[in-house]
């Protein structure tokens, strides 16, 4: 499976920005793994936290 590099600024990652976060989630709602997105570990952890936070406040499914 080819890598799908997604470039994004760390400051743009926020739970109130579901359009950006949807790029890191599959259609079934699973968070894409780091090896697929090509993100550094620190940024991937931040994305994961923000996706889970957005789900908690019902901005994402």
PDB file of N, CA and C in Angstrom:
ATOM      1  N   UNK A   1       0.849  -1.175   0.000  1.00  0.00           N
ATOM      2  CA  UNK A   1       0.000   0.000   0.000  1.00  0.00           C
ATOM      3  C   UNK A   1       0.896   1.240   0.000  1.00  0.00           C
ATOM      4  N   UNK A   2       0.731   2.141  -0.948  1.00  0.00           N
ATOM      5  CA  UNK A   2       1.591   3.315  -1.015  1.00  0.00           C
ATOM      6  C   UNK A   2       1.301   4.293   0.118  1.00  0.00           C
ATOM      7  N   UNK A   3       2.355   4.976   0.508  1.00  0.00           N
ATOM      8  CA  UNK A   3       2.206   5.977   1.547  1.00  0.00           C
ATOM      9  C   UNK A   3       1.425   7.158   1.029  1.00  0.00           C
ATOM     10  N   UNK A   4       0.603   7.705   1.869  1.00  0.00           N
ATOM     11  CA  UNK A   4      -0.211   8.853   1.511  1.00  0.00           C
ATOM     12  C   UNK A   4       0.217   9.997   2.412  1.00  0.00           C
ATOM     13  N   UNK A   5       1.213  10.746   2.006  1.00  0.00           N
ATOM     14  CA  UNK A   5       1.771  11.820   2.828  1.00  0.00           C
ATOM     15  C   UNK A   5       0.758  12.948   2.933  1.00  0.00           C
ATOM     16  N   UNK A   6       0.464  13.359   4.164  1.00  0.00           N
ATOM     17  CA  UNK A   6      -0.458  14.459   4.403  1.00  0.00           C
ATOM     18  C   UNK A   6       0.303  15.546   5.139  1.00  0.00           C
ATOM     19  N   UNK A   7       0.472  16.690   4.513  1.00  0.00           N
ATOM     20  CA  UNK A   7       1.173  17.801   5.145  1.00  0.00           C
ATOM     21  C   UNK A   7       0.170  18.736   5.793  1.00  0.00           C
ATOM     22  N   UNK A   8       0.450  19.075   7.046  1.00  0.00           N
ATOM     23  CA  UNK A   8      -0.427  19.977   7.772  1.00  0.00           C
ATOM     24  C   UNK A   8       0.399  20.670   8.851  1.00  0.00           C
ATOM     25  N   UNK A   9       0.088  21.927   9.122  1.00  0.00           N
ATOM     26  CA  UNK A   9       0.789  22.664  10.172  1.00  0.00           C
ATOM     27  C   UNK A   9       0.290  22.212  11.538  1.00  0.00           C
ATOM     28  N   UNK A  10       1.200  22.105  12.494  1.00  0.00           N
ATOM     29  CA  UNK A  10       0.842  21.645  13.840  1.00  0.00           C
ATOM     30  C   UNK A  10      -0.151  22.595  14.494  1.00  0.00           C
ATOM     31  N   UNK A  11      -0.060  23.873  14.193  1.00  0.00           N
ATOM     32  CA  UNK A  11      -0.963  24.848  14.810  1.00  0.00           C
ATOM     33  C   UNK A  11      -2.387  24.738  14.266  1.00  0.00           C
ATOM     34  N   UNK A  12      -2.559  24.136  13.087  1.00  0.00           N
ATOM     35  CA  UNK A  12      -3.889  24.009  12.484  1.00  0.00           C
ATOM     36  C   UNK A  12      -4.670  22.831  13.044  1.00  0.00           C
ATOM     37  N   UNK A  13      -3.994  21.930  13.751  1.00  0.00           N
ATOM     38  CA  UNK A  13      -4.651  20.736  14.287  1.00  0.00           C
ATOM     39  C   UNK A  13      -5.414  21.125  15.544  1.00  0.00           C
ATOM     40  N   UNK A  14      -6.742  21.069  15.445  1.00  0.00           N
ATOM     41  CA  UNK A  14      -7.597  21.439  16.569  1.00  0.00           C
ATOM     42  C   UNK A  14      -8.902  20.661  16.456  1.00  0.00           C
ATOM     43  N   UNK A  15      -9.482  20.328  17.587  1.00  0.00           N
ATOM     44  CA  UNK A  15     -10.717  19.541  17.568  1.00  0.00           C
ATOM     45  C   UNK A  15     -11.877  20.319  16.967  1.00  0.00           C
ATOM     46  N   UNK A  16     -11.773  21.634  16.906  1.00  0.00           N
ATOM     47  CA  UNK A  16     -12.843  22.459  16.335  1.00  0.00           C
ATOM     48  C   UNK A  16     -12.741  22.566  14.816  1.00  0.00           C
ATOM     49  N   UNK A  17     -11.806  21.835  14.220  1.00  0.00           N
ATOM     50  CA  UNK A  17     -11.607  21.834  12.776  1.00  0.00           C
ATOM     51  C   UNK A  17     -11.845  20.419  12.227  1.00  0.00           C
ATOM     52  N   UNK A  18     -13.106  19.965  12.219  1.00  0.00           N
ATOM     53  CA  UNK A  18     -13.374  18.582  11.809  1.00  0.00           C
ATOM     54  C   UNK A  18     -13.055  18.301  10.343  1.00  0.00           C
ATOM     55  N   UNK A  19     -13.094  19.312   9.489  1.00  0.00           N
ATOM     56  CA  UNK A  19     -12.776  19.088   8.072  1.00  0.00           C
ATOM     57  C   UNK A  19     -11.329  18.628   7.904  1.00  0.00           C
ATOM     58  N   UNK A  20     -10.425  19.215   8.661  1.00  0.00           N
ATOM     59  CA  UNK A  20      -9.026  18.800   8.614  1.00  0.00           C
ATOM     60  C   UNK A  20      -8.857  17.414   9.218  1.00  0.00           C
ATOM     61  N   UNK A  21      -9.508  17.159  10.339  1.00  0.00           N
ATOM     62  CA  UNK A  21      -9.358  15.877  11.032  1.00  0.00           C
ATOM     63  C   UNK A  21      -9.919  14.716  10.221  1.00  0.00           C
ATOM     64  N   UNK A  22     -10.918  14.972   9.386  1.00  0.00           N
ATOM     65  CA  UNK A  22     -11.514  13.908   8.568  1.00  0.00           C
ATOM     66  C   UNK A  22     -10.521  13.341   7.561  1.00  0.00           C
ATOM     67  N   UNK A  23      -9.471  14.090   7.254  1.00  0.00           N
ATOM     68  CA  UNK A  23      -8.444  13.596   6.335  1.00  0.00           C
ATOM     69  C   UNK A  23      -7.631  12.467   6.957  1.00  0.00           C
ATOM     70  N   UNK A  24      -7.684  12.338   8.280  1.00  0.00           N
ATOM     71  CA  UNK A  24      -6.905  11.331   8.995  1.00  0.00           C
ATOM     72  C   UNK A  24      -7.763  10.178   9.486  1.00  0.00           C
ATOM     73  N   UNK A  25      -9.005  10.093   9.001  1.00  0.00           N
ATOM     74  CA  UNK A  25      -9.941   9.061   9.439  1.00  0.00           C
ATOM     75  C   UNK A  25     -10.497   8.353   8.204  1.00  0.00           C
ATOM     76  N   UNK A  26     -10.681   7.031   8.297  1.00  0.00           N
ATOM     77  CA  UNK A  26     -11.266   6.277   7.189  1.00  0.00           C
ATOM     78  C   UNK A  26     -12.769   6.535   7.141  1.00  0.00           C
ATOM     79  N   UNK A  27     -13.412   6.038   6.090  1.00  0.00           N
ATOM     80  CA  UNK A  27     -14.861   6.203   5.966  1.00  0.00           C
ATOM     81  C   UNK A  27     -15.611   5.485   7.072  1.00  0.00           C
ATOM     82  N   UNK A  28     -15.013   4.415   7.587  1.00  0.00           N
ATOM     83  CA  UNK A  28     -15.661   3.676   8.677  1.00  0.00           C
ATOM     84  C   UNK A  28     -15.382   4.298  10.039  1.00  0.00           C
ATOM     85  N   UNK A  29     -14.542   5.340  10.088  1.00  0.00           N
ATOM     86  CA  UNK A  29     -14.308   6.057  11.338  1.00  0.00           C
ATOM     87  C   UNK A  29     -13.022   5.714  12.052  1.00  0.00           C
ATOM     88  N   UNK A  30     -12.204   4.840  11.471  1.00  0.00           N
ATOM     89  CA  UNK A  30     -10.950   4.464  12.121  1.00  0.00           C
ATOM     90  C   UNK A  30      -9.868   5.499  11.822  1.00  0.00           C
ATOM     91  N   UNK A  31      -9.022   5.756  12.804  1.00  0.00           N
ATOM     92  CA  UNK A  31      -7.910   6.684  12.633  1.00  0.00           C
ATOM     93  C   UNK A  31      -6.834   5.997  11.792  1.00  0.00           C
ATOM     94  N   UNK A  32      -6.360   6.701  10.765  1.00  0.00           N
ATOM     95  CA  UNK A  32      -5.332   6.138   9.890  1.00  0.00           C
ATOM     96  C   UNK A  32      -4.019   5.977  10.654  1.00  0.00           C
ATOM     97  N   UNK A  33      -3.278   4.904  10.406  1.00  0.00           N
ATOM     98  CA  UNK A  33      -2.008   4.701  11.103  1.00  0.00           C
ATOM     99  C   UNK A  33      -0.924   5.651  10.602  1.00  0.00           C
ATOM    100  N   UNK A  34       0.086   5.801  11.408  1.00  0.00           N
ATOM    101  CA  UNK A  34       1.196   6.690  11.097  1.00  0.00           C
ATOM    102  C   UNK A  34       1.903   6.309   9.812  1.00  0.00           C
ATOM    103  N   UNK A  35       2.053   5.025   9.581  1.00  0.00           N
ATOM    104  CA  UNK A  35       2.769   4.594   8.374  1.00  0.00           C
ATOM    105  C   UNK A  35       2.000   4.951   7.107  1.00  0.00           C
ATOM    106  N   UNK A  36       0.700   5.143   7.213  1.00  0.00           N
ATOM    107  CA  UNK A  36      -0.113   5.530   6.059  1.00  0.00           C
ATOM    108  C   UNK A  36      -0.055   7.035   5.827  1.00  0.00           C
ATOM    109  N   UNK A  37      -0.151   7.811   6.905  1.00  0.00           N
ATOM    110  CA  UNK A  37      -0.177   9.264   6.773  1.00  0.00           C
ATOM    111  C   UNK A  37       1.204   9.868   6.621  1.00  0.00           C
ATOM    112  N   UNK A  38       2.236   9.160   7.125  1.00  0.00           N
ATOM    113  CA  UNK A  38       3.593   9.685   7.031  1.00  0.00           C
ATOM    114  C   UNK A  38       3.872  10.793   8.021  1.00  0.00           C
ATOM    115  N   UNK A  39       3.071  10.892   9.073  1.00  0.00           N
ATOM    116  CA  UNK A  39       3.236  11.949  10.067  1.00  0.00           C
ATOM    117  C   UNK A  39       4.292  11.560  11.095  1.00  0.00           C
ATOM    118  N   UNK A  40       4.993  12.548  11.657  1.00  0.00           N
ATOM    119  CA  UNK A  40       5.894  12.253  12.772  1.00  0.00           C
ATOM    120  C   UNK A  40       5.089  11.788  13.988  1.00  0.00           C
ATOM    121  N   UNK A  41       5.721  11.049  14.874  1.00  0.00           N
ATOM    122  CA  UNK A  41       5.020  10.463  16.025  1.00  0.00           C
ATOM    123  C   UNK A  41       4.338  11.529  16.880  1.00  0.00           C
ATOM    124  N   UNK A  42       5.031  12.608  17.161  1.00  0.00           N
ATOM    125  CA  UNK A  42       4.467  13.657  18.023  1.00  0.00           C
ATOM    126  C   UNK A  42       3.208  14.258  17.409  1.00  0.00           C
ATOM    127  N   UNK A  43       3.255  14.525  16.112  1.00  0.00           N
ATOM    128  CA  UNK A  43       2.099  15.106  15.428  1.00  0.00           C
ATOM    129  C   UNK A  43       0.954  14.107  15.343  1.00  0.00           C
ATOM    130  N   UNK A  44       1.282  12.835  15.156  1.00  0.00           N
ATOM    131  CA  UNK A  44       0.237  11.815  15.078  1.00  0.00           C
ATOM    132  C   UNK A  44      -0.479  11.672  16.417  1.00  0.00           C
ATOM    133  N   UNK A  45       0.259  11.748  17.519  1.00  0.00           N
ATOM    134  CA  UNK A  45      -0.373  11.697  18.843  1.00  0.00           C
ATOM    135  C   UNK A  45      -1.304  12.885  19.037  1.00  0.00           C
ATOM    136  N   UNK A  46      -0.881  14.057  18.572  1.00  0.00           N
ATOM    137  CA  UNK A  46      -1.721  15.253  18.694  1.00  0.00           C
ATOM    138  C   UNK A  46      -2.996  15.100  17.864  1.00  0.00           C
ATOM    139  N   UNK A  47      -2.860  14.597  16.650  1.00  0.00           N
ATOM    140  CA  UNK A  47      -4.023  14.378  15.787  1.00  0.00           C
ATOM    141  C   UNK A  47      -4.983  13.392  16.433  1.00  0.00           C
ATOM    142  N   UNK A  48      -4.439  12.308  16.981  1.00  0.00           N
ATOM    143  CA  UNK A  48      -5.263  11.286  17.626  1.00  0.00           C
ATOM    144  C   UNK A  48      -6.043  11.872  18.792  1.00  0.00           C
ATOM    145  N   UNK A  49      -5.369  12.669  19.627  1.00  0.00           N
ATOM    146  CA  UNK A  49      -6.051  13.307  20.767  1.00  0.00           C
ATOM    147  C   UNK A  49      -7.168  14.227  20.303  1.00  0.00           C
ATOM    148  N   UNK A  50      -6.903  15.010  19.254  1.00  0.00           N
ATOM    149  CA  UNK A  50      -7.897  15.965  18.767  1.00  0.00           C
ATOM    150  C   UNK A  50      -9.085  15.255  18.120  1.00  0.00           C
ATOM    151  N   UNK A  51      -8.839  14.145  17.427  1.00  0.00           N
ATOM    152  CA  UNK A  51      -9.939  13.371  16.836  1.00  0.00           C
ATOM    153  C   UNK A  51     -10.825  12.815  17.943  1.00  0.00           C
ATOM    154  N   UNK A  52     -10.211  12.258  18.981  1.00  0.00           N
ATOM    155  CA  UNK A  52     -10.985  11.704  20.094  1.00  0.00           C
ATOM    156  C   UNK A  52     -11.757  12.793  20.823  1.00  0.00           C
ATOM    157  N   UNK A  53     -11.166  13.964  20.961  1.00  0.00           N
ATOM    158  CA  UNK A  53     -11.851  15.092  21.602  1.00  0.00           C
ATOM    159  C   UNK A  53     -13.030  15.556  20.746  1.00  0.00           C
ATOM    160  N   UNK A  54     -12.844  15.619  19.423  1.00  0.00           N
ATOM    161  CA  UNK A  54     -13.923  16.024  18.518  1.00  0.00           C
ATOM    162  C   UNK A  54     -15.074  15.023  18.563  1.00  0.00           C
ATOM    163  N   UNK A  55     -14.741  13.741  18.692  1.00  0.00           N
ATOM    164  CA  UNK A  55     -15.786  12.724  18.820  1.00  0.00           C
ATOM    165  C   UNK A  55     -16.554  12.907  20.124  1.00  0.00           C
ATOM    166  N   UNK A  56     -15.854  13.261  21.192  1.00  0.00           N
ATOM    167  CA  UNK A  56     -16.490  13.410  22.505  1.00  0.00           C
ATOM    168  C   UNK A  56     -17.499  14.556  22.524  1.00  0.00           C
ATOM    169  N   UNK A  57     -17.216  15.627  21.792  1.00  0.00           N
ATOM    170  CA  UNK A  57     -18.142  16.760  21.755  1.00  0.00           C
ATOM    171  C   UNK A  57     -19.058  16.699  20.533  1.00  0.00           C
ATOM    172  N   UNK A  58     -19.082  15.526  19.886  1.00  0.00           N
ATOM    173  CA  UNK A  58     -19.984  15.222  18.762  1.00  0.00           C
ATOM    174  C   UNK A  58     -19.778  16.101  17.525  1.00  0.00           C
ATOM    175  N   UNK A  59     -18.536  16.513  17.281  1.00  0.00           N
ATOM    176  CA  UNK A  59     -18.229  17.208  16.032  1.00  0.00           C
ATOM    177  C   UNK A  59     -17.886  16.214  14.925  1.00  0.00           C
ATOM    178  N   UNK A  60     -17.505  14.997  15.354  1.00  0.00           N
ATOM    179  CA  UNK A  60     -17.184  13.922  14.410  1.00  0.00           C
ATOM    180  C   UNK A  60     -17.841  12.645  14.884  1.00  0.00           C
ATOM    181  N   UNK A  61     -18.070  11.737  13.936  1.00  0.00           N
ATOM    182  CA  UNK A  61     -18.616  10.423  14.300  1.00  0.00           C
ATOM    183  C   UNK A  61     -17.495   9.443  14.475  1.00  0.00           C
TER     184      UNK A  61
END
